Amino acid sequence: MSSTFSISCPKSNADPKMFPLVTTASVLCKACGGTLKAVDMDSKAGNYMVELKWGGLMQNTAKSTFFTGFDSWRILLVDDYGVMKADLGKVGVKSGAAPTCCDPSENSRTVMGTWPKGATKFMVVPYANAIAAGESKHGEFWLPMGVMSNKFVDKTTGAGKKHTGNLVLQMDDPEKFVKSDHAVQIMTTSITKAIPGAKEEMVYICPECITLGVASRRLSDSERRLVGKTVNVKYVLLVPADSKVAFKGASSISADTLKTAMTVEAKKAGMKNFKVHSAVVKKVTTTDNNGASTTGGESTVTGGASPVAGFSALIVMLAGCQFFA
């Protein structure tokens, strides 16, 4: 977090155990846009899938000032008093100049899982890896109170389909990509654009779902030449029953659109040199939203080489996997 942010924001160094003693009004630095909207899309009782949207970081005084000099946002599950019940991970801060006005949908992330005991709301807080400024010296740090959502209401009716799979990415610097706070958003947006009619709220990728791996020896001859360290990305696509998205597995994903979208989104995140060589889309597993039945089937769609800008080599494979049942 920059020294400008540290100086301009009021001191908020409370230990997380002291959260009940702090109110939203006591913290002047927070996401603009008011209360987060939390609408459940997962009809399985006890489970949630929610898209959260919030604005830029501002100092809420008589004359609001916006900031960009911090590392990321943190999404938490909390109780009515802001006591943390679960940490849902980080969202990278968008590059560029600080905004001059509030866009309540500037940031977004779809979160998914089993609702923890004691949690009632979502909360978004600004986060820094380190602060080294006098009395504010810390290692890992986030403000003790942020913008909270409405009380979560568990959806238990309706139907839908969960499509699960795995992306295997091959690139020049896989370690850097895995560590990037922007990796989840890059892949979420890219998959969405590659599926006609899909919305980002339908796609979920957890922070722990992006890991290092090794390319499979079962690749074709043309793909094997790019074998090396890979990035494995597990994902879920939830298509509600009333959605007009006609998703039929791998054939519904455009490999060429996926490649182009990844290049665009990577550049937005500050990755100027990003080059996609090949995209292979494989098996997708489909499950009823209530977990009643499962269908599958092998299908492959391949996108040819494309000289679009930077991380040298990238193979994308969507392979069926069983998770988030």
Protein backbone atom coordinates (compact mmCIF):
# COMPACT_ATOMS: atom_id res chain seq x y z
CA MET A 1 0.00 0.00 0.00
CA SER A 2 1.41 3.39 -0.89
CA SER A 3 2.49 5.94 1.69
CA THR A 4 -0.19 8.30 0.35
CA PHE A 5 -2.90 5.80 1.26
CA SER A 6 -1.37 5.12 4.68
CA ILE A 7 -1.20 8.81 5.56
CA SER A 8 -4.58 9.84 4.18
CA CYS A 9 -6.63 7.11 5.85
CA PRO A 10 -7.41 7.22 9.58
CA LYS A 11 -5.55 4.67 11.70
CA SER A 12 -7.45 1.37 11.79
CA ASN A 13 -5.04 -1.08 13.35
CA ALA A 14 -7.54 -3.07 15.40
CA ASP A 15 -6.87 -6.76 15.85
CA PRO A 16 -9.51 -8.91 14.02
CA LYS A 17 -10.67 -10.12 17.44
CA MET A 18 -11.71 -6.54 18.20
CA PHE A 19 -14.02 -6.24 15.17
CA PRO A 20 -17.22 -5.97 17.27
CA LEU A 21 -15.86 -2.75 18.78
CA VAL A 22 -15.57 -1.06 15.39
CA THR A 23 -18.46 0.24 13.30
CA THR A 24 -18.57 1.02 9.59
CA ALA A 25 -18.82 4.73 10.41
CA SER A 26 -15.46 4.62 12.26
CA VAL A 27 -13.54 3.67 9.10
CA LEU A 28 -13.49 6.44 6.52
CA CYS A 29 -11.59 4.51 3.82
CA LYS A 30 -13.89 2.02 2.13
CA ALA A 31 -15.33 0.87 -1.18
CA CYS A 32 -17.79 3.33 -2.67
CA GLY A 33 -21.22 2.34 -3.86
CA GLY A 34 -23.02 1.56 -0.61
CA THR A 35 -24.26 -1.88 0.48
CA LEU A 36 -23.17 -4.94 -1.49
CA LYS A 37 -25.99 -6.89 -3.13
CA ALA A 38 -25.91 -10.60 -2.33
CA VAL A 39 -28.31 -12.73 -4.41
CA ASP A 40 -27.90 -16.51 -4.21
CA MET A 41 -27.89 -18.43 -7.51
CA ASP A 42 -27.26 -21.93 -6.10
CA SER A 43 -30.54 -23.66 -5.24
CA LYS A 44 -28.87 -26.43 -3.23
CA ALA A 45 -29.71 -25.83 0.45
CA GLY A 46 -26.71 -24.67 2.46
CA ASN A 47 -24.69 -23.73 -0.61
CA TYR A 48 -24.18 -20.27 -2.10
CA MET A 49 -23.07 -18.79 -5.40
CA VAL A 50 -23.15 -14.99 -5.39
CA GLU A 51 -21.76 -12.28 -7.65
CA LEU A 52 -20.51 -9.27 -5.66
CA LYS A 53 -19.90 -5.83 -7.16
CA TRP A 54 -18.36 -2.76 -5.54
CA GLY A 55 -16.75 0.55 -6.40
CA GLY A 56 -13.29 2.05 -5.95
CA LEU A 57 -11.58 2.86 -2.66
CA MET A 58 -12.50 6.29 -1.34
CA GLN A 59 -11.96 8.40 1.75
CA ASN A 60 -15.50 9.18 2.82
CA THR A 61 -15.21 12.79 3.98
CA ALA A 62 -16.86 16.08 2.94
CA LYS A 63 -14.84 15.87 -0.29
CA SER A 64 -14.40 12.24 -1.32
CA THR A 65 -10.93 11.25 -2.54
CA PHE A 66 -10.21 8.00 -4.43
CA PHE A 67 -7.10 5.83 -4.08
CA THR A 68 -5.38 3.10 -6.10
CA GLY A 69 -2.12 2.68 -4.16
CA PHE A 70 -2.98 -0.54 -2.31
CA ASP A 71 -2.47 -4.21 -3.17
CA SER A 72 -5.90 -5.83 -3.38
CA TRP A 73 -9.40 -6.27 -2.01
CA ARG A 74 -10.28 -9.00 0.46
CA ILE A 75 -13.68 -10.72 0.43
CA LEU A 76 -14.84 -12.05 3.80
CA LEU A 77 -17.87 -13.81 5.23
CA VAL A 78 -18.84 -12.10 8.49
CA ASP A 79 -21.58 -11.90 11.11
CA ASP A 80 -23.77 -8.85 11.76
CA TYR A 81 -20.92 -7.16 13.66
CA GLY A 82 -18.20 -7.75 11.06
CA VAL A 83 -16.54 -10.69 12.83
CA MET A 84 -14.85 -12.81 10.16
CA LYS A 85 -16.16 -16.35 9.68
CA ALA A 86 -14.39 -17.17 6.40
CA ASP A 87 -11.84 -15.61 4.03
CA LEU A 88 -12.85 -15.96 0.36
CA GLY A 89 -9.63 -14.57 -1.08
CA LYS A 90 -8.22 -11.50 -2.78
CA VAL A 91 -9.19 -9.46 -5.85
CA GLY A 92 -6.47 -7.47 -7.60
CA VAL A 93 -6.72 -3.69 -7.80
CA LYS A 94 -7.29 -2.46 -11.33
CA SER A 95 -4.38 -0.65 -12.92
CA GLY A 96 -4.54 2.97 -14.06
CA ALA A 97 -5.27 6.32 -12.51
CA ALA A 98 -7.58 6.70 -9.53
CA PRO A 99 -11.23 7.33 -10.50
CA THR A 100 -12.78 10.76 -10.00
CA CYS A 101 -16.27 9.45 -9.30
CA CYS A 102 -17.87 6.25 -8.04
CA ASP A 103 -18.64 3.32 -10.34
CA PRO A 104 -20.41 0.80 -8.05
CA SER A 105 -19.63 -2.06 -10.46
CA GLU A 106 -15.95 -1.24 -10.99
CA ASN A 107 -14.95 -4.48 -9.23
CA SER A 108 -16.70 -7.83 -9.28
CA ARG A 109 -16.17 -11.41 -8.19
CA THR A 110 -18.37 -14.51 -8.08
CA VAL A 111 -17.93 -16.50 -4.87
CA MET A 112 -19.19 -20.00 -4.15
CA GLY A 113 -19.18 -22.58 -1.38
CA THR A 114 -20.95 -23.94 1.70
CA TRP A 115 -22.36 -21.26 4.01
CA PRO A 116 -20.42 -21.30 7.34
CA LYS A 117 -22.09 -21.32 10.74
CA GLY A 118 -22.48 -17.86 12.25
CA ALA A 119 -21.99 -15.91 9.01
CA THR A 120 -24.77 -13.59 7.85
CA LYS A 121 -23.17 -11.24 5.30
CA PHE A 122 -20.33 -10.65 2.86
CA MET A 123 -17.79 -7.88 3.47
CA VAL A 124 -15.18 -6.28 1.20
CA VAL A 125 -12.12 -4.54 2.67
CA PRO A 126 -8.94 -3.01 1.16
CA TYR A 127 -5.85 -5.14 1.78
CA ALA A 128 -2.07 -4.58 1.79
CA ASN A 129 0.80 -7.07 1.80
CA ALA A 130 2.93 -4.74 3.93
CA ILE A 131 3.00 -1.24 5.37
CA ALA A 132 6.24 0.38 6.55
CA ALA A 133 5.36 3.86 7.76
CA GLY A 134 6.13 4.67 11.39
CA GLU A 135 3.45 3.47 13.77
CA SER A 136 1.54 1.81 10.93
CA LYS A 137 4.20 -0.84 10.31
CA HIS A 138 2.56 -4.21 9.60
CA GLY A 139 3.14 -7.38 7.64
CA GLU A 140 -0.25 -8.41 6.25
CA PHE A 141 -2.95 -5.81 6.84
CA TRP A 142 -6.54 -4.98 6.03
CA LEU A 143 -8.96 -2.48 7.52
CA PRO A 144 -11.01 -3.81 10.45
CA MET A 145 -14.34 -2.90 8.86
CA GLY A 146 -15.47 -2.64 5.26
CA VAL A 147 -18.61 -2.45 3.16
CA MET A 148 -21.05 -5.25 4.01
CA SER A 149 -23.84 -6.87 2.01
CA ASN A 150 -27.47 -7.36 2.84
CA LYS A 151 -28.18 -10.45 4.97
CA PHE A 152 -27.65 -13.58 2.92
CA VAL A 153 -30.80 -15.52 2.02
CA ASP A 154 -30.21 -19.15 1.01
CA LYS A 155 -31.98 -20.07 -2.24
CA THR A 156 -33.55 -23.53 -2.02
CA THR A 157 -35.89 -23.63 -5.03
CA GLY A 158 -35.40 -23.73 -8.78
CA ALA A 159 -33.23 -25.86 -11.02
CA GLY A 160 -30.11 -25.45 -13.08
CA LYS A 161 -26.97 -27.17 -14.32
CA LYS A 162 -23.44 -27.05 -12.94
CA HIS A 163 -20.73 -27.63 -15.52
CA THR A 164 -17.33 -28.39 -14.03
CA GLY A 165 -13.93 -28.66 -15.64
CA ASN A 166 -10.23 -27.94 -15.47
CA LEU A 167 -8.10 -25.54 -17.49
CA VAL A 168 -4.45 -26.41 -18.05
CA LEU A 169 -2.46 -23.34 -19.10
CA GLN A 170 1.10 -23.45 -20.44
CA MET A 171 3.06 -20.19 -20.38
CA ASP A 172 6.51 -18.66 -19.89
CA ASP A 173 6.14 -17.69 -16.25
CA PRO A 174 3.51 -19.94 -14.62
CA GLU A 175 4.73 -19.14 -11.09
CA LYS A 176 4.06 -15.44 -11.67
CA PHE A 177 0.58 -16.11 -13.03
CA VAL A 178 -0.39 -18.34 -10.09
CA LYS A 179 0.70 -15.66 -7.61
CA SER A 180 -1.12 -12.85 -9.44
CA ASP A 181 -4.23 -11.45 -7.73
CA HIS A 182 -5.60 -10.86 -11.25
CA ALA A 183 -5.45 -14.49 -12.43
CA VAL A 184 -8.98 -15.41 -11.26
CA GLN A 185 -10.56 -12.38 -12.93
CA ILE A 186 -8.63 -12.88 -16.19
CA MET A 187 -9.86 -16.46 -16.51
CA THR A 188 -13.42 -15.70 -15.31
CA THR A 189 -13.92 -12.95 -17.89
CA SER A 190 -12.25 -14.94 -20.68
CA ILE A 191 -14.37 -18.06 -20.17
CA THR A 192 -17.50 -15.90 -20.05
CA LYS A 193 -16.67 -14.23 -23.36
CA ALA A 194 -15.97 -17.61 -24.96
CA ILE A 195 -19.48 -18.91 -24.19
CA PRO A 196 -22.30 -17.20 -26.17
CA GLY A 197 -24.75 -15.45 -23.85
CA ALA A 198 -22.92 -16.31 -20.61
CA LYS A 199 -22.54 -13.81 -17.77
CA GLU A 200 -19.63 -13.50 -15.36
CA GLU A 201 -21.94 -14.24 -12.43
CA MET A 202 -22.27 -17.79 -13.83
CA VAL A 203 -18.53 -18.55 -13.69
CA TYR A 204 -16.71 -19.42 -10.47
CA ILE A 205 -12.98 -19.97 -9.93
CA CYS A 206 -11.68 -20.16 -6.37
CA PRO A 207 -8.23 -18.75 -5.45
CA GLU A 208 -7.04 -22.24 -4.47
CA CYS A 209 -8.22 -23.58 -7.83
CA ILE A 210 -5.24 -22.02 -9.63
CA THR A 211 -2.17 -24.20 -9.08
CA LEU A 212 1.08 -25.25 -10.75
CA GLY A 213 1.19 -28.54 -12.60
CA VAL A 214 2.90 -30.44 -15.41
CA ALA A 215 1.52 -30.85 -18.93
CA SER A 216 0.02 -34.26 -19.66
CA ARG A 217 1.95 -36.75 -21.82
CA ARG A 218 -1.33 -37.54 -23.56
CA LEU A 219 -1.14 -34.34 -25.59
CA SER A 220 -1.01 -34.53 -29.37
CA ASP A 221 2.33 -34.26 -31.21
CA SER A 222 1.69 -30.59 -32.06
CA GLU A 223 0.91 -29.82 -28.41
CA ARG A 224 3.72 -31.91 -26.86
CA ARG A 225 6.40 -29.56 -28.14
CA LEU A 226 5.08 -26.97 -25.68
CA VAL A 227 5.22 -29.35 -22.71
CA GLY A 228 6.59 -27.83 -19.49
CA LYS A 229 5.25 -26.39 -16.29
CA THR A 230 1.55 -25.60 -16.43
CA VAL A 231 -1.11 -23.71 -14.51
CA ASN A 232 -4.16 -25.79 -13.57
CA VAL A 233 -7.42 -23.89 -13.12
CA LYS A 234 -10.59 -25.57 -11.84
CA TYR A 235 -13.84 -23.82 -12.70
CA VAL A 236 -17.62 -24.08 -12.35
CA LEU A 237 -20.20 -22.74 -14.80
CA LEU A 238 -23.69 -22.56 -13.26
CA VAL A 239 -26.47 -22.10 -15.82
CA PRO A 240 -29.85 -21.33 -14.16
CA ALA A 241 -32.96 -23.07 -15.48
CA ASP A 242 -34.39 -19.79 -16.80
CA SER A 243 -31.19 -18.86 -18.65
CA LYS A 244 -31.13 -18.71 -22.45
CA VAL A 245 -27.53 -19.96 -22.54
CA ALA A 246 -27.51 -23.22 -24.53
CA PHE A 247 -24.36 -24.74 -23.09
CA LYS A 248 -23.60 -28.21 -24.50
CA GLY A 249 -20.09 -28.79 -23.21
CA ALA A 250 -16.80 -28.23 -24.98
CA SER A 251 -18.43 -27.47 -28.33
CA SER A 252 -20.08 -24.39 -26.77
CA ILE A 253 -16.70 -22.82 -25.93
CA SER A 254 -14.94 -20.87 -28.68
CA ALA A 255 -11.20 -21.55 -28.40
CA ASP A 256 -10.31 -18.57 -30.60
CA THR A 257 -12.52 -16.19 -28.58
CA LEU A 258 -10.97 -17.54 -25.37
CA LYS A 259 -7.46 -16.79 -26.65
CA THR A 260 -8.35 -13.26 -27.71
CA ALA A 261 -10.16 -12.52 -24.45
CA MET A 262 -7.22 -13.72 -22.36
CA THR A 263 -4.88 -11.38 -24.22
CA VAL A 264 -7.19 -8.39 -23.71
CA GLU A 265 -7.82 -9.09 -20.02
CA ALA A 266 -4.14 -9.74 -19.29
CA LYS A 267 -3.21 -6.38 -20.80
CA LYS A 268 -5.84 -4.66 -18.64
CA ALA A 269 -4.17 -6.25 -15.61
CA GLY A 270 -0.78 -4.88 -16.62
CA MET A 271 0.58 -8.01 -18.36
CA LYS A 272 1.79 -6.29 -21.52
CA ASN A 273 3.52 -9.29 -23.10
CA PHE A 274 0.99 -12.08 -23.37
CA LYS A 275 0.87 -14.54 -26.27
CA VAL A 276 -1.54 -17.46 -26.73
CA HIS A 277 -0.39 -20.21 -29.14
CA SER A 278 -3.04 -22.87 -28.78
CA ALA A 279 -6.35 -23.55 -27.05
CA VAL A 280 -7.67 -27.07 -26.60
CA VAL A 281 -11.11 -27.49 -25.01
CA LYS A 282 -11.90 -30.96 -23.72
CA LYS A 283 -14.39 -32.89 -21.56
CA VAL A 284 -16.93 -30.99 -19.46
CA THR A 285 -18.93 -32.71 -16.68
CA THR A 286 -22.52 -31.60 -16.07
CA THR A 287 -24.45 -32.06 -12.80
CA ASP A 288 -27.96 -31.07 -11.77
CA ASN A 289 -27.83 -28.10 -9.41
CA ASN A 290 -29.09 -30.33 -6.59
CA GLY A 291 -26.48 -32.98 -7.39
CA ALA A 292 -29.11 -35.55 -8.45
CA SER A 293 -27.49 -36.74 -11.68
CA THR A 294 -24.34 -36.39 -13.74
CA THR A 295 -23.67 -36.51 -17.46
CA GLY A 296 -20.43 -36.27 -19.37
CA GLY A 297 -18.82 -36.86 -22.73
CA GLU A 298 -15.53 -36.23 -24.48
CA SER A 299 -15.42 -33.41 -27.01
CA THR A 300 -12.45 -31.45 -28.30
CA VAL A 301 -12.28 -28.00 -29.87
CA THR A 302 -8.89 -26.66 -30.96
CA GLY A 303 -7.85 -23.10 -31.74
CA GLY A 304 -4.84 -22.66 -34.04
CA ALA A 305 -1.71 -20.66 -33.39
CA SER A 306 -2.21 -16.93 -33.11
CA PRO A 307 0.43 -14.15 -32.91
CA VAL A 308 -1.43 -12.05 -30.37
CA ALA A 309 0.97 -10.31 -27.84
CA GLY A 310 3.37 -12.09 -24.98
CA PHE A 311 3.60 -14.89 -22.35
CA SER A 312 5.24 -17.20 -24.86
CA ALA A 313 3.30 -20.43 -24.92
CA LEU A 314 -0.16 -21.23 -23.70
CA ILE A 315 -2.19 -24.41 -24.00
CA VAL A 316 -5.67 -24.35 -22.57
CA MET A 317 -7.44 -27.62 -21.90
CA LEU A 318 -10.78 -28.02 -20.21
CA ALA A 319 -10.81 -31.49 -18.64
CA GLY A 320 -13.73 -32.85 -16.66
CA CYS A 321 -13.22 -33.07 -12.91
CA GLN A 322 -15.41 -33.82 -9.93
CA PHE A 323 -15.58 -31.00 -7.38
CA PHE A 324 -18.09 -28.64 -5.81
CA ALA A 325 -20.76 -31.34 -6.07
